[in-house]
């Protein structure tokens, strides 16, 4: 499984967390089993994304909020877009991955899973985050 596929699975689990508000070790184990994830490297990557976004939740949320247009509130953002933004900001700010790669892949995920304009919204917010 390549990094793009792993990132997509991490997004799906983050989205699940956005819906359920919590994610337990058992939830992760069920997710891995249901998605036939056997590679320890893939499991480690996904767990890192989930645990990292949880432990840095406050600063990631602040980062999103301060990079929204004035008339936008974080509560208006769809759960899909929120999960994608959290994933990208975590990887850019905390994992120090190349922002061009992360933004490109997250925008592609937004095109696949989000609304018609999700990819434009995501790209705009992340471009603002990177400019700082």
C-alpha atoms as a PDB file:
ATOM      1  CA  UNK A   1       0.000   0.000   0.000  1.00  0.00           C
ATOM      2  CA  UNK A   2       1.457   3.360  -1.008  1.00  0.00           C
ATOM      3  CA  UNK A   3       1.376   6.615   0.973  1.00  0.00           C
ATOM      4  CA  UNK A   4      -1.565   8.033  -1.007  1.00  0.00           C
ATOM      5  CA  UNK A   5      -3.697   4.982  -0.223  1.00  0.00           C
ATOM      6  CA  UNK A   6      -2.635   5.140   3.435  1.00  0.00           C
ATOM      7  CA  UNK A   7      -3.499   8.864   3.554  1.00  0.00           C
ATOM      8  CA  UNK A   8      -6.950   8.117   2.126  1.00  0.00           C
ATOM      9  CA  UNK A   9      -7.562   5.483   4.802  1.00  0.00           C
ATOM     10  CA  UNK A  10      -6.324   7.870   7.505  1.00  0.00           C
ATOM     11  CA  UNK A  11      -8.800  10.457   6.177  1.00  0.00           C
ATOM     12  CA  UNK A  12     -11.653   7.942   6.397  1.00  0.00           C
ATOM     13  CA  UNK A  13     -10.818   7.169  10.012  1.00  0.00           C
ATOM     14  CA  UNK A  14     -10.486  10.890  10.821  1.00  0.00           C
ATOM     15  CA  UNK A  15     -13.895  11.442   9.240  1.00  0.00           C
ATOM     16  CA  UNK A  16     -15.287   8.665  11.420  1.00  0.00           C
ATOM     17  CA  UNK A  17     -13.802  10.461  14.428  1.00  0.00           C
ATOM     18  CA  UNK A  18     -15.441  13.744  13.352  1.00  0.00           C
ATOM     19  CA  UNK A  19     -18.818  12.006  13.238  1.00  0.00           C
ATOM     20  CA  UNK A  20     -18.480   9.966  16.443  1.00  0.00           C
ATOM     21  CA  UNK A  21     -16.420  12.587  18.361  1.00  0.00           C
ATOM     22  CA  UNK A  22     -14.161   9.847  19.739  1.00  0.00           C
ATOM     23  CA  UNK A  23     -12.172   6.957  18.414  1.00  0.00           C
ATOM     24  CA  UNK A  24     -11.020   4.065  20.562  1.00  0.00           C
ATOM     25  CA  UNK A  25      -8.309   1.481  20.032  1.00  0.00           C
ATOM     26  CA  UNK A  26     -11.094  -1.020  19.377  1.00  0.00           C
ATOM     27  CA  UNK A  27     -12.569   1.285  16.703  1.00  0.00           C
ATOM     28  CA  UNK A  28      -9.162   1.441  15.026  1.00  0.00           C
ATOM     29  CA  UNK A  29      -8.736  -2.336  15.179  1.00  0.00           C
ATOM     30  CA  UNK A  30     -12.176  -2.835  13.598  1.00  0.00           C
ATOM     31  CA  UNK A  31     -11.320  -0.247  10.924  1.00  0.00           C
ATOM     32  CA  UNK A  32      -8.043  -2.050  10.122  1.00  0.00           C
ATOM     33  CA  UNK A  33      -9.832  -5.393   9.946  1.00  0.00           C
ATOM     34  CA  UNK A  34     -12.707  -4.096   7.779  1.00  0.00           C
ATOM     35  CA  UNK A  35     -10.265  -2.466   5.352  1.00  0.00           C
ATOM     36  CA  UNK A  36      -7.914  -5.471   5.231  1.00  0.00           C
ATOM     37  CA  UNK A  37      -4.993  -3.436   6.556  1.00  0.00           C
ATOM     38  CA  UNK A  38      -2.336  -5.894   7.598  1.00  0.00           C
ATOM     39  CA  UNK A  39       0.837  -3.876   7.084  1.00  0.00           C
ATOM     40  CA  UNK A  40       2.293  -2.654  10.368  1.00  0.00           C
ATOM     41  CA  UNK A  41       3.758   0.342   8.543  1.00  0.00           C
ATOM     42  CA  UNK A  42       0.304   1.389   7.289  1.00  0.00           C
ATOM     43  CA  UNK A  43      -1.241   0.851  10.726  1.00  0.00           C
ATOM     44  CA  UNK A  44       1.524   2.906  12.327  1.00  0.00           C
ATOM     45  CA  UNK A  45       1.042   5.743   9.818  1.00  0.00           C
ATOM     46  CA  UNK A  46      -2.742   5.847  10.345  1.00  0.00           C
ATOM     47  CA  UNK A  47      -2.435   5.662  14.146  1.00  0.00           C
ATOM     48  CA  UNK A  48       0.092   8.506  14.041  1.00  0.00           C
ATOM     49  CA  UNK A  49      -2.328  10.680  12.050  1.00  0.00           C
ATOM     50  CA  UNK A  50      -5.222   9.967  14.419  1.00  0.00           C
ATOM     51  CA  UNK A  51      -3.227  10.350  17.630  1.00  0.00           C
ATOM     52  CA  UNK A  52      -1.370  13.400  16.302  1.00  0.00           C
ATOM     53  CA  UNK A  53      -4.513  15.242  15.267  1.00  0.00           C
ATOM     54  CA  UNK A  54      -6.114  14.434  18.629  1.00  0.00           C
ATOM     55  CA  UNK A  55      -3.134  15.534  20.720  1.00  0.00           C
ATOM     56  CA  UNK A  56      -2.730  18.726  18.661  1.00  0.00           C
ATOM     57  CA  UNK A  57      -6.458  19.279  18.193  1.00  0.00           C
ATOM     58  CA  UNK A  58      -6.616  22.706  19.795  1.00  0.00           C
ATOM     59  CA  UNK A  59      -3.778  24.240  17.776  1.00  0.00           C
ATOM     60  CA  UNK A  60      -4.956  22.590  14.535  1.00  0.00           C
ATOM     61  CA  UNK A  61      -8.483  23.934  15.089  1.00  0.00           C
ATOM     62  CA  UNK A  62      -7.068  27.415  15.789  1.00  0.00           C
ATOM     63  CA  UNK A  63      -5.008  27.186  12.606  1.00  0.00           C
ATOM     64  CA  UNK A  64      -8.128  26.381  10.598  1.00  0.00           C
ATOM     65  CA  UNK A  65     -10.180  29.131  12.268  1.00  0.00           C
ATOM     66  CA  UNK A  66      -7.643  31.888  11.727  1.00  0.00           C
ATOM     67  CA  UNK A  67      -7.280  30.995   8.049  1.00  0.00           C
ATOM     68  CA  UNK A  68     -10.985  31.147   7.233  1.00  0.00           C
ATOM     69  CA  UNK A  69     -12.550  34.175   5.590  1.00  0.00           C
ATOM     70  CA  UNK A  70     -14.011  36.682   8.050  1.00  0.00           C
ATOM     71  CA  UNK A  71     -17.626  35.598   7.587  1.00  0.00           C
ATOM     72  CA  UNK A  72     -16.831  31.893   8.062  1.00  0.00           C
ATOM     73  CA  UNK A  73     -16.960  29.958  11.301  1.00  0.00           C
ATOM     74  CA  UNK A  74     -15.449  26.518  11.785  1.00  0.00           C
ATOM     75  CA  UNK A  75     -18.924  25.133  12.589  1.00  0.00           C
ATOM     76  CA  UNK A  76     -19.933  25.788   8.952  1.00  0.00           C
ATOM     77  CA  UNK A  77     -17.283  23.449   7.573  1.00  0.00           C
ATOM     78  CA  UNK A  78     -18.524  20.012   6.550  1.00  0.00           C
ATOM     79  CA  UNK A  79     -17.136  17.054   8.489  1.00  0.00           C
ATOM     80  CA  UNK A  80     -15.421  15.794   5.342  1.00  0.00           C
ATOM     81  CA  UNK A  81     -13.643  19.104   4.739  1.00  0.00           C
ATOM     82  CA  UNK A  82     -12.763  19.398   8.414  1.00  0.00           C
ATOM     83  CA  UNK A  83     -11.190  15.935   8.458  1.00  0.00           C
ATOM     84  CA  UNK A  84      -9.198  16.755   5.312  1.00  0.00           C
ATOM     85  CA  UNK A  85      -7.981  20.077   6.726  1.00  0.00           C
ATOM     86  CA  UNK A  86      -6.928  18.473  10.005  1.00  0.00           C
ATOM     87  CA  UNK A  87      -5.063  15.731   8.175  1.00  0.00           C
ATOM     88  CA  UNK A  88      -3.228  18.211   5.949  1.00  0.00           C
ATOM     89  CA  UNK A  89      -2.358  20.676   8.702  1.00  0.00           C
ATOM     90  CA  UNK A  90      -1.052  17.892  10.924  1.00  0.00           C
ATOM     91  CA  UNK A  91       1.162  16.529   8.155  1.00  0.00           C
ATOM     92  CA  UNK A  92       2.426  19.969   7.104  1.00  0.00           C
ATOM     93  CA  UNK A  93       2.965  21.551  10.534  1.00  0.00           C
ATOM     94  CA  UNK A  94       3.858  18.581  12.733  1.00  0.00           C
ATOM     95  CA  UNK A  95       5.226  15.913  10.401  1.00  0.00           C
ATOM     96  CA  UNK A  96       7.028  18.514   8.266  1.00  0.00           C
ATOM     97  CA  UNK A  97       6.033  16.776   5.033  1.00  0.00           C
ATOM     98  CA  UNK A  98       6.360  18.761   1.785  1.00  0.00           C
ATOM     99  CA  UNK A  99       3.293  20.997   1.680  1.00  0.00           C
ATOM    100  CA  UNK A 100       2.887  20.717  -2.101  1.00  0.00           C
ATOM    101  CA  UNK A 101       2.522  16.939  -1.887  1.00  0.00           C
ATOM    102  CA  UNK A 102       0.130  17.050   1.076  1.00  0.00           C
ATOM    103  CA  UNK A 103      -2.049  19.796  -0.403  1.00  0.00           C
ATOM    104  CA  UNK A 104      -2.217  18.071  -3.786  1.00  0.00           C
ATOM    105  CA  UNK A 105      -3.300  14.760  -2.291  1.00  0.00           C
ATOM    106  CA  UNK A 106      -5.819  16.320   0.096  1.00  0.00           C
ATOM    107  CA  UNK A 107      -7.319  18.377  -2.746  1.00  0.00           C
ATOM    108  CA  UNK A 108      -7.687  15.163  -4.761  1.00  0.00           C
ATOM    109  CA  UNK A 109      -9.441  13.523  -1.798  1.00  0.00           C
ATOM    110  CA  UNK A 110     -11.741  16.559  -1.572  1.00  0.00           C
ATOM    111  CA  UNK A 111     -12.647  16.116  -5.237  1.00  0.00           C
ATOM    112  CA  UNK A 112     -13.423  12.457  -4.601  1.00  0.00           C
ATOM    113  CA  UNK A 113     -15.325  12.705  -1.305  1.00  0.00           C
ATOM    114  CA  UNK A 114     -16.354  16.324  -0.848  1.00  0.00           C
ATOM    115  CA  UNK A 115     -18.899  18.635  -2.374  1.00  0.00           C
ATOM    116  CA  UNK A 116     -18.400  20.262  -5.782  1.00  0.00           C
ATOM    117  CA  UNK A 117     -16.468  23.216  -4.364  1.00  0.00           C
ATOM    118  CA  UNK A 118     -14.669  21.394  -1.535  1.00  0.00           C
ATOM    119  CA  UNK A 119     -11.365  21.180  -3.361  1.00  0.00           C
ATOM    120  CA  UNK A 120     -11.365  24.950  -3.966  1.00  0.00           C
ATOM    121  CA  UNK A 121     -12.179  25.660  -0.311  1.00  0.00           C
ATOM    122  CA  UNK A 122      -9.537  23.225   0.983  1.00  0.00           C
ATOM    123  CA  UNK A 123      -6.895  24.587  -1.376  1.00  0.00           C
ATOM    124  CA  UNK A 124      -7.649  28.171  -0.296  1.00  0.00           C
ATOM    125  CA  UNK A 125      -7.451  27.458   3.426  1.00  0.00           C
ATOM    126  CA  UNK A 126      -4.263  25.405   3.101  1.00  0.00           C
ATOM    127  CA  UNK A 127      -2.619  28.011   0.858  1.00  0.00           C
ATOM    128  CA  UNK A 128      -3.303  30.551   3.590  1.00  0.00           C
ATOM    129  CA  UNK A 129      -1.864  28.213   6.250  1.00  0.00           C
ATOM    130  CA  UNK A 130       1.325  27.662   4.237  1.00  0.00           C
ATOM    131  CA  UNK A 131       1.847  31.394   3.598  1.00  0.00           C
ATOM    132  CA  UNK A 132       2.267  32.033   7.345  1.00  0.00           C
END
